[in-house]
Amino acid sequence: MARKPNYGYEKRQKELAKKAKKEEKNKRKQEEKDQEKLAEEQGAKEQGQETSAEE
């Protein structure tokens, strides 16, 4: 007699994989936002230095 497939286990594994992928995507997006914010801050500092150097 063949064993009955455990569809509940397969579904749970699929959900876990989907959740992990979503978390990784959100983490990557957050890192990109942080880098953009850091770049903007550095750009603002550089503009401030240029202004004081001209005076």
PDB file of N, CA and C in Angstrom:
ATOM      1  N   MET A   1       0.847  -1.180   0.000  1.00  0.00           N
ATOM      2  CA  MET A   1       0.000   0.000   0.000  1.00  0.00           C
ATOM      3  C   MET A   1       0.895   1.248   0.000  1.00  0.00           C
ATOM      4  N   ALA A   2       0.616   2.158  -0.888  1.00  0.00           N
ATOM      5  CA  ALA A   2       1.401   3.386  -1.011  1.00  0.00           C
ATOM      6  C   ALA A   2       1.043   4.354   0.115  1.00  0.00           C
ATOM      7  N   ARG A   3       2.045   5.130   0.487  1.00  0.00           N
ATOM      8  CA  ARG A   3       1.801   6.119   1.541  1.00  0.00           C
ATOM      9  C   ARG A   3       1.030   7.305   0.978  1.00  0.00           C
ATOM     10  N   LYS A   4       0.194   7.852   1.805  1.00  0.00           N
ATOM     11  CA  LYS A   4      -0.607   9.007   1.421  1.00  0.00           C
ATOM     12  C   LYS A   4       0.281  10.268   1.487  1.00  0.00           C
ATOM     13  N   PRO A   5       0.258  11.121   0.462  1.00  0.00           N
ATOM     14  CA  PRO A   5       1.081  12.335   0.492  1.00  0.00           C
ATOM     15  C   PRO A   5       0.607  13.294   1.587  1.00  0.00           C
ATOM     16  N   ASN A   6       1.570  13.955   2.192  1.00  0.00           N
ATOM     17  CA  ASN A   6       1.265  14.896   3.270  1.00  0.00           C
ATOM     18  C   ASN A   6       1.185  16.304   2.667  1.00  0.00           C
ATOM     19  N   TYR A   7       0.026  16.629   2.146  1.00  0.00           N
ATOM     20  CA  TYR A   7      -0.149  17.924   1.480  1.00  0.00           C
ATOM     21  C   TYR A   7      -0.017  19.082   2.462  1.00  0.00           C
ATOM     22  N   GLY A   8      -0.393  18.877   3.703  1.00  0.00           N
ATOM     23  CA  GLY A   8      -0.271  19.939   4.707  1.00  0.00           C
ATOM     24  C   GLY A   8       1.182  20.330   4.915  1.00  0.00           C
ATOM     25  N   TYR A   9       2.069  19.331   4.941  1.00  0.00           N
ATOM     26  CA  TYR A   9       3.501  19.599   5.114  1.00  0.00           C
ATOM     27  C   TYR A   9       4.040  20.364   3.909  1.00  0.00           C
ATOM     28  N   GLU A  10       3.660  19.921   2.715  1.00  0.00           N
ATOM     29  CA  GLU A  10       4.121  20.581   1.500  1.00  0.00           C
ATOM     30  C   GLU A  10       3.648  22.031   1.462  1.00  0.00           C
ATOM     31  N   LYS A  11       2.414  22.251   1.855  1.00  0.00           N
ATOM     32  CA  LYS A  11       1.857  23.602   1.858  1.00  0.00           C
ATOM     33  C   LYS A  11       2.617  24.481   2.857  1.00  0.00           C
ATOM     34  N   ARG A  12       2.899  23.936   4.019  1.00  0.00           N
ATOM     35  CA  ARG A  12       3.619  24.688   5.048  1.00  0.00           C
ATOM     36  C   ARG A  12       5.025  25.052   4.567  1.00  0.00           C
ATOM     37  N   GLN A  13       5.700  24.115   3.928  1.00  0.00           N
ATOM     38  CA  GLN A  13       7.046  24.379   3.422  1.00  0.00           C
ATOM     39  C   GLN A  13       7.015  25.477   2.353  1.00  0.00           C
ATOM     40  N   LYS A  14       5.998  25.430   1.503  1.00  0.00           N
ATOM     41  CA  LYS A  14       5.852  26.439   0.462  1.00  0.00           C
ATOM     42  C   LYS A  14       5.610  27.814   1.087  1.00  0.00           C
ATOM     43  N   GLU A  15       4.767  27.856   2.121  1.00  0.00           N
ATOM     44  CA  GLU A  15       4.489  29.115   2.808  1.00  0.00           C
ATOM     45  C   GLU A  15       5.741  29.675   3.480  1.00  0.00           C
ATOM     46  N   LEU A  16       6.527  28.794   4.105  1.00  0.00           N
ATOM     47  CA  LEU A  16       7.762  29.232   4.760  1.00  0.00           C
ATOM     48  C   LEU A  16       8.751  29.792   3.741  1.00  0.00           C
ATOM     49  N   ALA A  17       8.869  29.132   2.595  1.00  0.00           N
ATOM     50  CA  ALA A  17       9.775  29.601   1.546  1.00  0.00           C
ATOM     51  C   ALA A  17       9.320  30.965   1.030  1.00  0.00           C
ATOM     52  N   LYS A  18       8.022  31.116   0.856  1.00  0.00           N
ATOM     53  CA  LYS A  18       7.460  32.375   0.365  1.00  0.00           C
ATOM     54  C   LYS A  18       7.708  33.499   1.379  1.00  0.00           C
ATOM     55  N   LYS A  19       7.526  33.179   2.657  1.00  0.00           N
ATOM     56  CA  LYS A  19       7.734  34.167   3.708  1.00  0.00           C
ATOM     57  C   LYS A  19       9.203  34.589   3.774  1.00  0.00           C
ATOM     58  N   ALA A  20      10.108  33.627   3.669  1.00  0.00           N
ATOM     59  CA  ALA A  20      11.541  33.934   3.706  1.00  0.00           C
ATOM     60  C   ALA A  20      11.938  34.808   2.518  1.00  0.00           C
ATOM     61  N   LYS A  21      11.397  34.518   1.357  1.00  0.00           N
ATOM     62  CA  LYS A  21      11.701  35.295   0.161  1.00  0.00           C
ATOM     63  C   LYS A  21      11.191  36.725   0.317  1.00  0.00           C
ATOM     64  N   LYS A  22      10.004  36.860   0.880  1.00  0.00           N
ATOM     65  CA  LYS A  22       9.420  38.190   1.082  1.00  0.00           C
ATOM     66  C   LYS A  22      10.246  38.995   2.087  1.00  0.00           C
ATOM     67  N   GLU A  23      10.682  38.348   3.166  1.00  0.00           N
ATOM     68  CA  GLU A  23      11.501  39.035   4.160  1.00  0.00           C
ATOM     69  C   GLU A  23      12.831  39.487   3.555  1.00  0.00           C
ATOM     70  N   GLU A  24      13.433  38.635   2.718  1.00  0.00           N
ATOM     71  CA  GLU A  24      14.689  38.982   2.069  1.00  0.00           C
ATOM     72  C   GLU A  24      14.495  40.182   1.150  1.00  0.00           C
ATOM     73  N   LYS A  25      13.385  40.195   0.428  1.00  0.00           N
ATOM     74  CA  LYS A  25      13.084  41.307  -0.474  1.00  0.00           C
ATOM     75  C   LYS A  25      12.906  42.601   0.322  1.00  0.00           C
ATOM     76  N   ASN A  26      12.161  42.538   1.426  1.00  0.00           N
ATOM     77  CA  ASN A  26      11.945  43.726   2.259  1.00  0.00           C
ATOM     78  C   ASN A  26      13.260  44.220   2.853  1.00  0.00           C
ATOM     79  N   LYS A  27      14.117  43.287   3.256  1.00  0.00           N
ATOM     80  CA  LYS A  27      15.424  43.646   3.820  1.00  0.00           C
ATOM     81  C   LYS A  27      16.266  44.356   2.772  1.00  0.00           C
ATOM     82  N   ARG A  28      16.270  43.829   1.550  1.00  0.00           N
ATOM     83  CA  ARG A  28      17.044  44.427   0.468  1.00  0.00           C
ATOM     84  C   ARG A  28      16.525  45.829   0.151  1.00  0.00           C
ATOM     85  N   LYS A  29      15.207  45.991   0.122  1.00  0.00           N
ATOM     86  CA  LYS A  29      14.620  47.306  -0.149  1.00  0.00           C
ATOM     87  C   LYS A  29      15.001  48.304   0.947  1.00  0.00           C
ATOM     88  N   GLN A  30      14.971  47.856   2.202  1.00  0.00           N
ATOM     89  CA  GLN A  30      15.321  48.736   3.319  1.00  0.00           C
ATOM     90  C   GLN A  30      16.778  49.172   3.226  1.00  0.00           C
ATOM     91  N   GLU A  31      17.669  48.248   2.854  1.00  0.00           N
ATOM     92  CA  GLU A  31      19.082  48.586   2.701  1.00  0.00           C
ATOM     93  C   GLU A  31      19.270  49.610   1.589  1.00  0.00           C
ATOM     94  N   GLU A  32      18.537  49.462   0.492  1.00  0.00           N
ATOM     95  CA  GLU A  32      18.622  50.418  -0.607  1.00  0.00           C
ATOM     96  C   GLU A  32      18.164  51.804  -0.151  1.00  0.00           C
ATOM     97  N   LYS A  33      17.081  51.856   0.626  1.00  0.00           N
ATOM     98  CA  LYS A  33      16.592  53.137   1.138  1.00  0.00           C
ATOM     99  C   LYS A  33      17.626  53.775   2.057  1.00  0.00           C
ATOM    100  N   ASP A  34      18.256  52.953   2.909  1.00  0.00           N
ATOM    101  CA  ASP A  34      19.278  53.469   3.817  1.00  0.00           C
ATOM    102  C   ASP A  34      20.461  54.040   3.041  1.00  0.00           C
ATOM    103  N   GLN A  35      20.863  53.353   1.976  1.00  0.00           N
ATOM    104  CA  GLN A  35      21.988  53.823   1.168  1.00  0.00           C
ATOM    105  C   GLN A  35      21.638  55.133   0.474  1.00  0.00           C
ATOM    106  N   GLU A  36      20.416  55.235  -0.045  1.00  0.00           N
ATOM    107  CA  GLU A  36      19.987  56.471  -0.690  1.00  0.00           C
ATOM    108  C   GLU A  36      19.970  57.621   0.314  1.00  0.00           C
ATOM    109  N   LYS A  37      19.473  57.339   1.510  1.00  0.00           N
ATOM    110  CA  LYS A  37      19.406  58.373   2.546  1.00  0.00           C
ATOM    111  C   LYS A  37      20.815  58.826   2.924  1.00  0.00           C
ATOM    112  N   LEU A  38      21.730  57.878   3.053  1.00  0.00           N
ATOM    113  CA  LEU A  38      23.107  58.193   3.393  1.00  0.00           C
ATOM    114  C   LEU A  38      23.753  59.021   2.288  1.00  0.00           C
ATOM    115  N   ALA A  39      23.491  58.661   1.042  1.00  0.00           N
ATOM    116  CA  ALA A  39      24.041  59.407  -0.097  1.00  0.00           C
ATOM    117  C   ALA A  39      23.502  60.838  -0.108  1.00  0.00           C
ATOM    118  N   GLU A  40      22.226  61.001   0.185  1.00  0.00           N
ATOM    119  CA  GLU A  40      21.636  62.339   0.227  1.00  0.00           C
ATOM    120  C   GLU A  40      22.266  63.174   1.335  1.00  0.00           C
ATOM    121  N   GLU A  41      22.501  62.559   2.490  1.00  0.00           N
ATOM    122  CA  GLU A  41      23.117  63.278   3.607  1.00  0.00           C
ATOM    123  C   GLU A  41      24.536  63.693   3.248  1.00  0.00           C
ATOM    124  N   GLN A  42      25.277  62.813   2.601  1.00  0.00           N
ATOM    125  CA  GLN A  42      26.640  63.147   2.209  1.00  0.00           C
ATOM    126  C   GLN A  42      26.634  64.250   1.165  1.00  0.00           C
ATOM    127  N   GLY A  43      25.670  64.201   0.251  1.00  0.00           N
ATOM    128  CA  GLY A  43      25.541  65.252  -0.759  1.00  0.00           C
ATOM    129  C   GLY A  43      25.247  66.594  -0.124  1.00  0.00           C
ATOM    130  N   ALA A  44      24.405  66.598   0.895  1.00  0.00           N
ATOM    131  CA  ALA A  44      24.074  67.839   1.599  1.00  0.00           C
ATOM    132  C   ALA A  44      25.305  68.374   2.328  1.00  0.00           C
ATOM    133  N   LYS A  45      26.088  67.483   2.907  1.00  0.00           N
ATOM    134  CA  LYS A  45      27.307  67.913   3.604  1.00  0.00           C
ATOM    135  C   LYS A  45      28.294  68.514   2.622  1.00  0.00           C
ATOM    136  N   GLU A  46      28.441  67.865   1.446  1.00  0.00           N
ATOM    137  CA  GLU A  46      29.370  68.371   0.442  1.00  0.00           C
ATOM    138  C   GLU A  46      28.933  69.744  -0.049  1.00  0.00           C
ATOM    139  N   GLN A  47      27.633  69.946  -0.233  1.00  0.00           N
ATOM    140  CA  GLN A  47      27.141  71.243  -0.685  1.00  0.00           C
ATOM    141  C   GLN A  47      27.408  72.293   0.390  1.00  0.00           C
ATOM    142  N   GLY A  48      27.263  71.903   1.634  1.00  0.00           N
ATOM    143  CA  GLY A  48      27.537  72.829   2.737  1.00  0.00           C
ATOM    144  C   GLY A  48      29.003  73.196   2.792  1.00  0.00           C
ATOM    145  N   GLN A  49      29.880  72.276   2.513  1.00  0.00           N
ATOM    146  CA  GLN A  49      31.325  72.541   2.506  1.00  0.00           C
ATOM    147  C   GLN A  49      31.688  73.461   1.341  1.00  0.00           C
ATOM    148  N   GLU A  50      31.068  73.249   0.184  1.00  0.00           N
ATOM    149  CA  GLU A  50      31.344  74.092  -0.969  1.00  0.00           C
ATOM    150  C   GLU A  50      30.919  75.537  -0.694  1.00  0.00           C
ATOM    151  N   THR A  51      29.797  75.719  -0.028  1.00  0.00           N
ATOM    152  CA  THR A  51      29.299  77.044   0.279  1.00  0.00           C
ATOM    153  C   THR A  51      30.250  77.759   1.235  1.00  0.00           C
ATOM    154  N   SER A  52      30.723  77.077   2.257  1.00  0.00           N
ATOM    155  CA  SER A  52      31.624  77.700   3.220  1.00  0.00           C
ATOM    156  C   SER A  52      32.997  77.944   2.606  1.00  0.00           C
ATOM    157  N   ALA A  53      33.415  77.129   1.637  1.00  0.00           N
ATOM    158  CA  ALA A  53      34.699  77.319   0.993  1.00  0.00           C
ATOM    159  C   ALA A  53      34.684  78.550   0.078  1.00  0.00           C
ATOM    160  N   GLU A  54      33.533  78.851  -0.488  1.00  0.00           N
ATOM    161  CA  GLU A  54      33.416  80.006  -1.376  1.00  0.00           C
ATOM    162  C   GLU A  54      33.442  81.320  -0.614  1.00  0.00           C
ATOM    163  N   GLU A  55      33.059  81.304   0.650  1.00  0.00           N
ATOM    164  CA  GLU A  55      32.980  82.531   1.447  1.00  0.00           C
ATOM    165  C   GLU A  55      34.296  83.026   1.832  1.00  0.00           C
TER     166      GLU A  55
END
